[in-house]
Amino acid sequence: MLPDEGATEDLGRFLAELLQPGDLVALSGGLGGGKTTLARALIRELTATPDLDVPSPTFTLIQPYEAPGGRQIVHADLYRLRSPDELVELGFDEMTEAAITLVEWPERLGDRAGPILTVDLSLRAEFGDGARFARIDGSGGMDARLKRARALRILLVRSGWDEAARIPMQGDASSRAYERLIKPDGARAVLMVSPPRSDGPPVRNGKPYSAIVKLAESVHAFVGVDRGLRALGFSAPRIYGEDLNEGLLIIEDLGSEPVVDASGPRPERYAEAVRLLAKLHATELPGVLPVADGIDHVLPPYDLEALVFETELLPDWYCPAIRGADLPSPARSEFVALWAEVLGGLIPERPTWTLRDYHSPNLIWLPQREGLERIGLIDFQDAVLGHPAYDLASLLQDARVDATAEFELRLLGLYVRERRNREPDFDMQGFARAYAVLAAQRATKILGIFARLDRRDGKPGYLAHLPRIEGYLTRNLAHPALTRLRLWHAEHLPDLVPKAAPDAAPEDA
């Protein structure tokens, strides 16, 4: 129920939050029902222009607008339309293909495919002048978005963030979305939208890709790991509000001060990040983490199946997309067998939490805090139980940051000393070997992922990092534990393995 015109405008601002290019908003109802009022509020919100003049398109039939980011909006009133054929003459389909389209009198439009938000408005004079009833529905995937938008509105109100401004933040390579929330008093938080991941098609042994490589399928994983890290005294974000079913979290805003600068890693900040890992890896850690009453998150093992399958991203994506040719079947089979052999010897006696994306984009420097709490941690929902060397390799061989082999060796030595201070019997030689192998595995995987982001997802920006990652792979393959894989690369991808590799991966620290 909308008691007055202001409530109708509030509804328009609410609905604007869930609209995307290609959506159709079908506005139905009799004359004077409020369709134009609702459309005006939607358009003003989408264009971020509160006083924008939005006339009814009754006589022009179609009125276009442009929103921030180049998004197109089309407002159409089809009351005077005699036949759907007139829309063809007006170029309606071409104009609306990639636009957010608002249509009054949509019954004259004919059948349409794609996401459709249906809003039917009717006057309810018995409840007062200007009172209206709105019936809202969705199809073509819009129903799920509408449900999530309603849940988000409830969460914002319940958590006290309903009056906050919402500013989109740059996301990552995942399907998650983030917004910065800023209250009128300046208080800040981050809205994380991470809807449950639907299983993709089976790719091997009846299992989808995400299940094989152990990717989180719901926000439960983030909540469990977050609370586990905070219980250990680390600076993961506090959680201010949550809707686990819809994948919505309001979390502490740790800021954006990085651990790098224009010259590369900040040594003192990287040193603290190394010390944090050493403390984490020397701690006895549970494999099951509480999420909510009666709900636990079980950390999956980073097992041989997952590690080997990730290496296959190189022949599946990097070779055809970057090298321009598929690997012959015998060479691919040999590649997989070699990786299975070398990774099979790396099962740790005591697995630890492997945060998996422990690198500069996910580490925030918090100078107002003390000690290890100065390292803010984000993006750890894909954490697994694995070898401690993996996260150290993620940090010291950052896909986006240039660092010398000397710098890497110095911080690897710091890690070893920190571990020995806590565990005098720490196996330095075994760790150095595992570090080289897992660093090579990670570089191999990322070459495939970045090629896939370009070829499949249309994100060519990741290709700029390939030379750096190729350099890491070359460095790691120089370790004796990877001799047979180095020889394989020399035969099948020779430009990745020069005859002399001056920056060999460290054999000890």
Protein backbone atom coordinates (compact mmCIF):
# COMPACT_ATOMS: atom_id res chain seq x y z
CA MET A 1 0.00 0.00 0.00
CA LEU A 2 1.28 3.46 -1.01
CA PRO A 3 -0.52 6.07 1.12
CA ASP A 4 0.54 9.12 -0.90
CA GLU A 5 2.58 10.32 -3.87
CA GLY A 6 5.73 10.45 -1.77
CA ALA A 7 5.42 6.72 -1.06
CA THR A 8 5.07 6.07 -4.79
CA GLU A 9 8.29 8.01 -5.39
CA ASP A 10 10.02 6.02 -2.63
CA LEU A 11 8.96 2.83 -4.40
CA GLY A 12 10.51 4.11 -7.62
CA ARG A 13 13.82 4.82 -5.87
CA PHE A 14 13.76 1.34 -4.34
CA LEU A 15 13.08 -0.40 -7.66
CA ALA A 16 15.85 1.56 -9.38
CA GLU A 17 18.42 -0.26 -7.25
CA LEU A 18 17.80 -3.62 -8.92
CA LEU A 19 17.58 -2.58 -12.57
CA GLN A 20 20.23 -3.45 -15.15
CA PRO A 21 20.68 -2.77 -18.88
CA GLY A 22 18.34 -4.99 -20.87
CA ASP A 23 15.58 -4.93 -18.23
CA LEU A 24 11.98 -4.04 -19.01
CA VAL A 25 9.73 -2.38 -16.42
CA ALA A 26 6.08 -2.91 -17.34
CA LEU A 27 3.94 -0.21 -15.66
CA SER A 28 0.24 -1.05 -15.71
CA GLY A 29 -2.89 0.58 -14.26
CA GLY A 30 -5.66 2.93 -15.20
CA LEU A 31 -5.44 6.62 -16.00
CA GLY A 32 -4.25 8.57 -12.98
CA GLY A 33 -2.96 5.43 -11.30
CA GLY A 34 0.51 6.84 -10.80
CA LYS A 35 2.50 5.21 -13.60
CA THR A 36 4.19 8.43 -14.67
CA THR A 37 4.90 9.41 -11.05
CA LEU A 38 6.63 6.08 -10.50
CA ALA A 39 8.50 6.30 -13.81
CA ARG A 40 9.67 9.83 -13.00
CA ALA A 41 11.07 8.72 -9.64
CA LEU A 42 12.81 5.73 -11.27
CA ILE A 43 14.42 7.88 -13.97
CA ARG A 44 15.57 10.56 -11.55
CA GLU A 45 17.16 7.91 -9.34
CA LEU A 46 18.82 6.12 -12.26
CA THR A 47 20.21 9.37 -13.69
CA ALA A 48 21.21 10.64 -10.22
CA THR A 49 19.40 13.90 -11.04
CA PRO A 50 16.72 14.56 -8.39
CA ASP A 51 15.23 17.60 -10.17
CA LEU A 52 15.37 16.20 -13.73
CA ASP A 53 12.40 17.22 -15.86
CA VAL A 54 10.67 13.95 -16.84
CA PRO A 55 7.63 14.72 -18.98
CA SER A 56 5.08 12.07 -19.84
CA PRO A 57 5.90 10.59 -23.27
CA THR A 58 2.19 10.32 -24.15
CA PHE A 59 2.66 12.35 -27.35
CA THR A 60 6.29 11.55 -28.20
CA LEU A 61 5.73 7.83 -27.42
CA ILE A 62 9.44 7.36 -26.60
CA GLN A 63 11.75 9.53 -24.51
CA PRO A 64 15.44 8.52 -24.06
CA TYR A 65 17.74 9.48 -21.16
CA GLU A 66 21.36 8.81 -20.29
CA ALA A 67 22.50 7.67 -16.84
CA PRO A 68 26.00 7.72 -15.28
CA GLY A 69 28.38 5.18 -16.76
CA GLY A 70 26.84 5.50 -20.21
CA ARG A 71 23.73 3.52 -19.30
CA GLN A 72 20.72 4.23 -21.49
CA ILE A 73 17.15 4.63 -20.24
CA VAL A 74 14.06 4.59 -22.42
CA HIS A 75 10.65 5.76 -21.19
CA ALA A 76 7.76 4.78 -23.45
CA ASP A 77 4.02 5.44 -23.24
CA LEU A 78 2.13 3.23 -25.68
CA TYR A 79 -1.38 4.56 -24.98
CA ARG A 80 -1.63 6.05 -28.48
CA LEU A 81 -0.01 3.05 -30.19
CA ARG A 82 -2.31 1.62 -32.83
CA SER A 83 -0.23 -1.45 -33.65
CA PRO A 84 3.02 -3.08 -32.46
CA ASP A 85 4.25 -2.56 -36.03
CA GLU A 86 4.61 1.15 -35.24
CA LEU A 87 7.38 0.24 -32.79
CA VAL A 88 9.40 -1.22 -35.64
CA GLU A 89 9.15 2.10 -37.49
CA LEU A 90 10.32 3.90 -34.36
CA GLY A 91 13.36 1.60 -33.98
CA PHE A 92 12.11 0.53 -30.54
CA ASP A 93 13.94 -2.82 -30.42
CA GLU A 94 17.31 -1.32 -31.36
CA MET A 95 16.85 1.55 -28.92
CA THR A 96 15.96 -0.69 -25.97
CA GLU A 97 18.19 -3.73 -26.53
CA ALA A 98 20.86 -2.55 -24.05
CA ALA A 99 18.74 0.00 -22.17
CA ILE A 100 16.64 0.02 -19.01
CA THR A 101 13.19 0.39 -20.52
CA LEU A 102 10.10 1.72 -18.72
CA VAL A 103 6.85 1.07 -20.59
CA GLU A 104 3.45 2.44 -19.68
CA TRP A 105 0.54 0.49 -21.18
CA PRO A 106 2.79 -2.55 -21.80
CA GLU A 107 -0.11 -4.74 -22.93
CA ARG A 108 0.23 -3.01 -26.31
CA LEU A 109 3.85 -4.10 -26.58
CA GLY A 110 3.28 -7.77 -27.35
CA ASP A 111 5.25 -10.69 -25.92
CA ARG A 112 8.78 -9.88 -24.77
CA ALA A 113 11.66 -12.04 -23.60
CA GLY A 114 14.27 -11.23 -20.97
CA PRO A 115 14.05 -9.87 -17.43
CA ILE A 116 10.71 -8.13 -16.82
CA LEU A 117 9.61 -6.25 -13.72
CA THR A 118 5.84 -5.87 -13.63
CA VAL A 119 4.27 -3.12 -11.53
CA ASP A 120 0.46 -2.77 -11.50
CA LEU A 121 -0.84 0.39 -9.79
CA SER A 122 -4.43 1.07 -8.75
CA LEU A 123 -6.05 3.95 -6.88
CA ARG A 124 -7.47 3.17 -3.44
CA ALA A 125 -9.52 6.22 -2.51
CA GLU A 126 -10.91 4.44 0.57
CA PHE A 127 -7.49 4.85 2.15
CA GLY A 128 -7.21 8.57 1.38
CA ASP A 129 -6.57 10.93 -1.51
CA GLY A 130 -3.63 9.75 -3.59
CA ALA A 131 -3.47 6.31 -1.94
CA ARG A 132 -2.47 3.51 -4.31
CA PHE A 133 -1.96 -0.22 -4.21
CA ALA A 134 1.09 -1.62 -6.04
CA ARG A 135 1.33 -5.25 -7.12
CA ILE A 136 4.93 -6.12 -8.05
CA ASP A 137 6.20 -9.25 -9.75
CA GLY A 138 9.16 -10.36 -11.83
CA SER A 139 10.06 -12.88 -14.51
CA GLY A 140 13.12 -13.87 -16.53
CA GLY A 141 15.35 -13.81 -13.45
CA MET A 142 13.89 -10.55 -12.16
CA ASP A 143 11.96 -12.36 -9.42
CA ALA A 144 15.21 -13.43 -7.70
CA ARG A 145 16.58 -9.89 -7.92
CA LEU A 146 13.35 -8.48 -6.53
CA LYS A 147 13.44 -10.90 -3.61
CA ARG A 148 17.05 -9.96 -2.85
CA ALA A 149 16.28 -6.24 -3.08
CA ARG A 150 13.46 -6.64 -0.57
CA ALA A 151 15.75 -8.62 1.74
CA LEU A 152 18.43 -5.94 1.40
CA ARG A 153 16.00 -3.18 2.31
CA ILE A 154 14.96 -5.11 5.42
CA LEU A 155 18.61 -5.73 6.36
CA LEU A 156 19.56 -2.07 5.95
CA VAL A 157 16.68 -0.95 8.15
CA ARG A 158 17.30 -3.65 10.78
CA SER A 159 21.02 -2.82 10.95
CA GLY A 160 20.55 0.95 11.05
CA TRP A 161 22.08 1.65 7.64
CA ASP A 162 18.91 2.48 5.70
CA GLU A 163 19.73 6.21 5.50
CA ALA A 164 23.28 5.63 4.26
CA ALA A 165 24.36 6.67 0.80
CA ARG A 166 25.33 3.71 -1.36
CA ILE A 167 28.39 4.06 -3.56
CA PRO A 168 29.41 1.17 -5.86
CA MET A 169 32.94 -0.10 -5.29
CA GLN A 170 35.22 -1.74 -7.81
CA GLY A 171 34.80 -5.47 -7.53
CA ASP A 172 37.11 -8.35 -8.29
CA ALA A 173 37.05 -11.11 -10.85
CA SER A 174 34.20 -12.87 -9.07
CA SER A 175 30.40 -12.55 -9.17
CA ARG A 176 30.33 -10.67 -5.86
CA ALA A 177 29.41 -6.98 -5.73
CA TYR A 178 30.35 -4.36 -3.16
CA GLU A 179 29.01 -0.95 -2.16
CA ARG A 180 30.37 1.53 0.35
CA LEU A 181 27.71 2.72 2.79
CA ILE A 182 28.13 6.24 4.23
CA LYS A 183 25.76 7.53 6.89
CA PRO A 184 24.92 11.23 7.21
CA ASP A 185 27.24 11.37 10.24
CA GLY A 186 30.14 10.00 8.18
CA ALA A 187 30.12 6.44 9.56
CA ARG A 188 31.11 3.89 6.94
CA ALA A 189 30.55 0.24 6.19
CA VAL A 190 30.71 -2.07 3.18
CA LEU A 191 27.73 -3.88 1.70
CA MET A 192 28.73 -7.25 0.28
CA VAL A 193 26.31 -8.93 -2.14
CA SER A 194 27.30 -12.55 -2.59
CA PRO A 195 24.29 -14.61 -3.68
CA PRO A 196 24.53 -18.38 -3.38
CA ARG A 197 26.55 -19.84 -6.22
CA SER A 198 24.55 -22.16 -8.45
CA ASP A 199 26.31 -25.32 -9.53
CA GLY A 200 27.64 -25.09 -13.04
CA PRO A 201 27.61 -27.96 -15.50
CA PRO A 202 29.55 -31.08 -14.54
CA VAL A 203 33.05 -30.99 -15.96
CA ARG A 204 34.58 -34.14 -14.49
CA ASN A 205 33.24 -37.16 -12.65
CA GLY A 206 29.83 -35.53 -12.43
CA LYS A 207 31.16 -32.55 -10.44
CA PRO A 208 31.15 -28.86 -11.45
CA TYR A 209 34.32 -26.77 -11.56
CA SER A 210 33.58 -24.98 -8.29
CA ALA A 211 33.17 -28.24 -6.39
CA ILE A 212 36.41 -29.70 -7.75
CA VAL A 213 38.57 -26.70 -6.88
CA LYS A 214 36.70 -26.05 -3.60
CA LEU A 215 35.22 -22.59 -4.21
CA ALA A 216 32.74 -21.24 -1.67
CA GLU A 217 29.13 -21.73 -2.72
CA SER A 218 27.52 -19.36 -0.21
CA VAL A 219 28.31 -16.45 2.08
CA HIS A 220 28.44 -18.89 5.01
CA ALA A 221 32.10 -19.52 4.20
CA PHE A 222 33.01 -15.85 4.52
CA VAL A 223 31.15 -15.51 7.82
CA GLY A 224 32.74 -18.63 9.32
CA VAL A 225 36.31 -17.73 8.31
CA ASP A 226 35.80 -14.09 9.27
CA ARG A 227 34.74 -15.00 12.79
CA GLY A 228 37.53 -17.55 13.03
CA LEU A 229 40.17 -14.98 12.09
CA ARG A 230 38.77 -12.39 14.48
CA ALA A 231 38.77 -14.96 17.29
CA LEU A 232 42.52 -15.32 16.73
CA GLY A 233 43.00 -11.57 17.08
CA PHE A 234 43.42 -10.77 13.38
CA SER A 235 41.81 -7.76 11.66
CA ALA A 236 39.07 -9.32 9.58
CA PRO A 237 35.99 -7.07 9.18
CA ARG A 238 33.40 -6.98 11.93
CA ILE A 239 29.96 -8.06 10.68
CA TYR A 240 27.25 -5.47 11.40
CA GLY A 241 24.34 -7.23 9.71
CA GLU A 242 23.67 -10.37 7.68
CA ASP A 243 21.08 -12.22 5.63
CA LEU A 244 22.71 -15.58 5.05
CA ASN A 245 19.99 -16.96 2.79
CA GLU A 246 20.24 -14.06 0.33
CA GLY A 247 24.02 -13.68 0.62
CA LEU A 248 23.96 -10.15 2.04
CA LEU A 249 26.46 -8.81 4.56
CA ILE A 250 27.11 -5.38 6.04
CA ILE A 251 30.71 -5.44 7.20
CA GLU A 252 33.30 -3.13 8.67
CA ASP A 253 35.00 -0.80 6.20
CA LEU A 254 38.72 -1.36 6.74
CA GLY A 255 39.58 1.46 4.36
CA SER A 256 41.79 1.31 1.30
CA GLU A 257 45.36 2.02 2.39
CA PRO A 258 47.45 -0.60 0.54
CA VAL A 259 50.55 -2.54 1.49
CA VAL A 260 52.17 -1.40 -1.77
CA ASP A 261 52.96 1.92 -3.40
CA ALA A 262 53.94 3.03 -6.91
CA SER A 263 57.38 1.44 -6.44
CA GLY A 264 56.04 -1.96 -5.38
CA PRO A 265 55.79 -3.68 -1.99
CA ARG A 266 56.23 -1.58 1.15
CA PRO A 267 58.85 -3.69 2.97
CA GLU A 268 57.67 -3.02 6.53
CA ARG A 269 54.07 -3.80 5.60
CA TYR A 270 54.97 -6.98 3.77
CA ALA A 271 57.07 -8.03 6.76
CA GLU A 272 54.01 -7.74 9.02
CA ALA A 273 51.96 -9.74 6.52
CA VAL A 274 54.65 -12.46 6.62
CA ARG A 275 54.65 -12.48 10.43
CA LEU A 276 50.87 -12.83 10.41
CA LEU A 277 51.13 -15.97 8.28
CA ALA A 278 53.84 -17.40 10.52
CA LYS A 279 51.64 -16.93 13.58
CA LEU A 280 48.58 -18.38 11.84
CA HIS A 281 50.49 -21.41 10.56
CA ALA A 282 52.02 -22.14 13.96
CA THR A 283 48.57 -22.26 15.58
CA GLU A 284 46.42 -25.36 15.99
CA LEU A 285 43.33 -24.51 13.95
CA PRO A 286 39.89 -26.12 13.73
CA GLY A 287 38.51 -27.45 10.48
CA VAL A 288 34.91 -26.59 11.36
CA LEU A 289 33.89 -22.98 12.02
CA PRO A 290 30.61 -21.73 13.52
CA VAL A 291 28.51 -19.47 11.30
CA ALA A 292 25.25 -19.04 13.22
CA ASP A 293 23.17 -21.03 15.70
CA GLY A 294 23.06 -24.57 14.38
CA ILE A 295 25.08 -23.70 11.26
CA ASP A 296 28.76 -24.59 10.73
CA HIS A 297 31.15 -24.16 7.84
CA VAL A 298 33.45 -27.08 7.12
CA LEU A 299 36.73 -26.00 5.53
CA PRO A 300 37.31 -28.28 2.53
CA PRO A 301 40.72 -29.87 1.96
CA TYR A 302 42.92 -28.37 -0.75
CA ASP A 303 43.46 -31.88 -2.03
CA LEU A 304 45.36 -33.40 -4.93
CA GLU A 305 42.31 -33.39 -7.19
CA ALA A 306 41.84 -29.63 -6.74
CA LEU A 307 45.52 -28.73 -7.11
CA VAL A 308 46.04 -30.80 -10.26
CA PHE A 309 42.77 -29.69 -11.85
CA GLU A 310 43.81 -26.06 -11.42
CA THR A 311 47.05 -26.65 -13.32
CA GLU A 312 44.98 -27.86 -16.28
CA LEU A 313 43.80 -24.29 -16.80
CA LEU A 314 47.15 -23.69 -18.54
CA PRO A 315 46.64 -26.20 -21.38
CA ASP A 316 42.89 -25.51 -21.51
CA TRP A 317 43.05 -21.70 -21.71
CA TYR A 318 46.55 -20.24 -21.75
CA CYS A 319 47.96 -22.40 -24.54
CA PRO A 320 45.16 -21.86 -27.09
CA ALA A 321 44.41 -18.23 -26.15
CA ILE A 322 47.94 -16.89 -25.60
CA ARG A 323 50.21 -19.36 -27.40
CA GLY A 324 47.76 -19.86 -30.24
CA ALA A 325 47.63 -23.65 -30.28
CA ASP A 326 46.17 -26.55 -28.32
CA LEU A 327 48.59 -28.98 -26.73
CA PRO A 328 48.74 -32.39 -28.40
CA SER A 329 46.92 -34.98 -26.32
CA PRO A 330 50.06 -36.94 -25.32
CA ALA A 331 51.78 -33.74 -24.14
CA ARG A 332 48.74 -32.72 -22.12
CA SER A 333 48.52 -36.16 -20.48
CA GLU A 334 52.20 -36.02 -19.58
CA PHE A 335 51.76 -32.51 -18.13
CA VAL A 336 48.92 -33.66 -15.86
CA ALA A 337 50.80 -36.79 -14.77
CA LEU A 338 53.91 -34.79 -13.87
CA TRP A 339 51.90 -32.36 -11.77
CA ALA A 340 50.05 -35.20 -10.02
CA GLU A 341 53.39 -36.79 -9.14
CA VAL A 342 55.05 -33.66 -7.74
CA LEU A 343 51.96 -32.43 -5.88
CA GLY A 344 51.22 -35.85 -4.45
CA GLY A 345 54.23 -35.55 -2.17
CA LEU A 346 53.08 -32.30 -0.57
CA ILE A 347 50.32 -33.41 1.79
CA PRO A 348 51.13 -31.57 5.04
CA GLU A 349 51.13 -33.45 8.34
CA ARG A 350 49.14 -30.64 9.90
CA PRO A 351 47.09 -28.70 7.33
CA THR A 352 46.45 -25.04 8.07
CA TRP A 353 43.97 -22.44 6.96
CA THR A 354 44.94 -21.50 3.42
CA LEU A 355 43.22 -18.18 2.72
CA ARG A 356 44.05 -18.65 -0.97
CA ASP A 357 43.96 -14.99 -2.07
CA TYR A 358 46.51 -13.65 0.40
CA HIS A 359 48.05 -10.95 -1.78
CA SER A 360 48.23 -7.18 -2.04
CA PRO A 361 44.69 -6.42 -3.32
CA ASN A 362 43.25 -8.16 -0.25
CA LEU A 363 45.54 -6.72 2.43
CA ILE A 364 44.67 -3.35 3.98
CA TRP A 365 47.15 -1.38 6.08
CA LEU A 366 45.63 -0.12 9.35
CA PRO A 367 48.21 2.27 10.84
CA GLN A 368 45.98 3.20 13.79
CA ARG A 369 46.21 -0.38 15.14
CA GLU A 370 49.10 -2.22 16.75
CA GLY A 371 51.27 -5.17 15.73
CA LEU A 372 49.76 -7.79 13.46
CA GLU A 373 46.36 -6.10 13.75
CA ARG A 374 47.71 -3.52 11.30
CA ILE A 375 47.11 -6.05 8.51
CA GLY A 376 43.46 -5.94 7.48
CA LEU A 377 42.20 -9.13 5.82
CA ILE A 378 39.46 -9.36 3.17
CA ASP A 379 38.39 -11.82 0.45
CA PHE A 380 39.00 -15.12 2.23
CA GLN A 381 35.73 -16.96 1.58
CA ASP A 382 37.47 -19.59 -0.55
CA ALA A 383 39.74 -20.63 2.33
CA VAL A 384 40.64 -24.31 2.51
CA LEU A 385 42.74 -26.63 4.63
CA GLY A 386 46.07 -26.82 2.86
CA HIS A 387 49.82 -26.39 2.98
CA PRO A 388 51.18 -23.24 4.70
CA ALA A 389 53.52 -22.54 1.79
CA TYR A 390 50.65 -21.65 -0.55
CA ASP A 391 49.65 -18.34 1.04
CA LEU A 392 53.26 -17.27 1.46
CA ALA A 393 53.79 -17.84 -2.26
CA SER A 394 50.60 -15.85 -2.97
CA LEU A 395 52.04 -12.90 -1.07
CA LEU A 396 55.64 -12.99 -2.26
CA GLN A 397 54.84 -13.78 -5.91
CA ASP A 398 51.97 -11.32 -6.29
CA ALA A 399 50.41 -11.47 -9.74
CA ARG A 400 49.95 -7.68 -9.81
CA VAL A 401 53.14 -6.37 -8.16
CA ASP A 402 56.76 -6.45 -9.26
CA ALA A 403 59.18 -7.73 -6.60
CA THR A 404 62.75 -8.95 -6.96
CA ALA A 405 63.91 -12.46 -6.20
CA GLU A 406 66.17 -10.98 -3.52
CA PHE A 407 63.17 -9.36 -1.78
CA GLU A 408 61.27 -12.65 -1.99
CA LEU A 409 64.18 -14.58 -0.49
CA ARG A 410 64.61 -12.07 2.34
CA LEU A 411 60.95 -12.34 3.39
CA LEU A 412 60.97 -16.10 2.99
CA GLY A 413 63.87 -16.09 5.47
CA LEU A 414 61.83 -13.92 7.84
CA TYR A 415 58.98 -16.41 7.70
CA VAL A 416 61.31 -19.32 8.50
CA ARG A 417 62.79 -17.48 11.48
CA GLU A 418 59.34 -16.62 12.81
CA ARG A 419 58.20 -20.23 12.47
CA ARG A 420 61.36 -21.51 14.19
CA ASN A 421 60.80 -19.12 17.08
CA ARG A 422 57.46 -20.81 17.65
CA GLU A 423 58.41 -24.33 16.52
CA PRO A 424 62.12 -25.14 16.96
CA ASP A 425 61.75 -28.33 14.90
CA PHE A 426 60.25 -26.50 11.89
CA ASP A 427 61.38 -28.27 8.68
CA MET A 428 63.02 -25.49 6.65
CA GLN A 429 64.15 -27.69 3.75
CA GLY A 430 60.79 -29.36 3.34
CA PHE A 431 59.02 -26.02 3.46
CA ALA A 432 61.34 -24.49 0.82
CA ARG A 433 60.60 -27.39 -1.51
CA ALA A 434 56.85 -27.09 -0.96
CA TYR A 435 57.09 -23.34 -1.51
CA ALA A 436 58.69 -23.76 -4.94
CA VAL A 437 56.19 -26.41 -6.02
CA LEU A 438 53.09 -24.54 -4.84
CA ALA A 439 54.36 -21.24 -6.21
CA ALA A 440 54.77 -22.95 -9.59
CA GLN A 441 51.30 -24.48 -9.29
CA ARG A 442 49.82 -21.09 -8.50
CA ALA A 443 51.59 -19.34 -11.39
CA THR A 444 50.43 -22.10 -13.73
CA LYS A 445 46.86 -21.74 -12.55
CA ILE A 446 46.83 -17.94 -12.78
CA LEU A 447 48.17 -17.97 -16.34
CA GLY A 448 45.13 -20.05 -17.23
CA ILE A 449 42.69 -17.96 -15.19
CA PHE A 450 43.83 -14.64 -16.65
CA ALA A 451 43.67 -16.06 -20.18
CA ARG A 452 40.15 -17.30 -19.42
CA LEU A 453 39.11 -13.90 -18.04
CA ASP A 454 40.17 -12.39 -21.37
CA ARG A 455 38.83 -15.01 -23.76
CA ARG A 456 35.62 -16.09 -21.99
CA ASP A 457 34.68 -13.09 -19.85
CA GLY A 458 35.85 -10.19 -22.01
CA LYS A 459 38.30 -8.79 -19.42
CA PRO A 460 41.54 -8.19 -21.35
CA GLY A 461 43.07 -6.04 -18.59
CA TYR A 462 44.38 -9.15 -16.85
CA LEU A 463 46.66 -9.94 -19.80
CA ALA A 464 48.99 -7.12 -18.75
CA HIS A 465 50.09 -9.27 -15.79
CA LEU A 466 51.04 -12.35 -17.82
CA PRO A 467 54.75 -11.46 -18.32
CA ARG A 468 55.19 -11.10 -14.55
CA ILE A 469 53.52 -14.45 -13.85
CA GLU A 470 55.49 -16.13 -16.63
CA GLY A 471 58.61 -14.84 -14.91
CA TYR A 472 57.50 -16.37 -11.60
CA LEU A 473 56.87 -19.69 -13.29
CA THR A 474 60.32 -19.64 -14.87
CA ARG A 475 61.88 -18.85 -11.50
CA ASN A 476 60.02 -21.66 -9.74
CA LEU A 477 60.70 -24.28 -12.39
CA ALA A 478 64.43 -23.84 -11.70
CA HIS A 479 64.00 -25.69 -8.39
CA PRO A 480 65.32 -29.30 -8.48
CA ALA A 481 61.97 -30.63 -7.28
CA LEU A 482 60.47 -29.46 -10.58
CA THR A 483 63.18 -30.70 -12.94
CA ARG A 484 60.91 -32.98 -14.97
CA LEU A 485 58.28 -30.25 -15.35
CA ARG A 486 61.00 -27.83 -16.40
CA LEU A 487 62.09 -30.29 -19.11
CA TRP A 488 58.45 -30.65 -20.21
CA HIS A 489 58.18 -26.87 -20.59
CA ALA A 490 61.50 -26.73 -22.43
CA GLU A 491 60.04 -29.12 -25.00
CA HIS A 492 56.45 -27.85 -25.31
CA LEU A 493 56.58 -24.21 -24.16
CA PRO A 494 60.27 -23.40 -24.61
CA ASP A 495 60.00 -19.62 -24.41
CA LEU A 496 58.87 -19.95 -20.78
CA VAL A 497 62.11 -21.70 -19.82
CA PRO A 498 65.30 -19.97 -20.96
CA LYS A 499 68.45 -22.04 -21.01
CA ALA A 500 69.77 -20.18 -17.95
CA ALA A 501 67.38 -19.10 -15.21
CA PRO A 502 69.28 -16.50 -13.15
CA ASP A 503 66.55 -16.06 -10.52
CA ALA A 504 66.13 -19.62 -9.36
CA ALA A 505 63.55 -20.42 -6.72
CA PRO A 506 65.17 -20.68 -3.29
CA GLU A 507 66.28 -24.12 -2.18
CA ASP A 508 66.75 -22.99 1.38
CA ALA A 509 66.22 -19.83 3.40
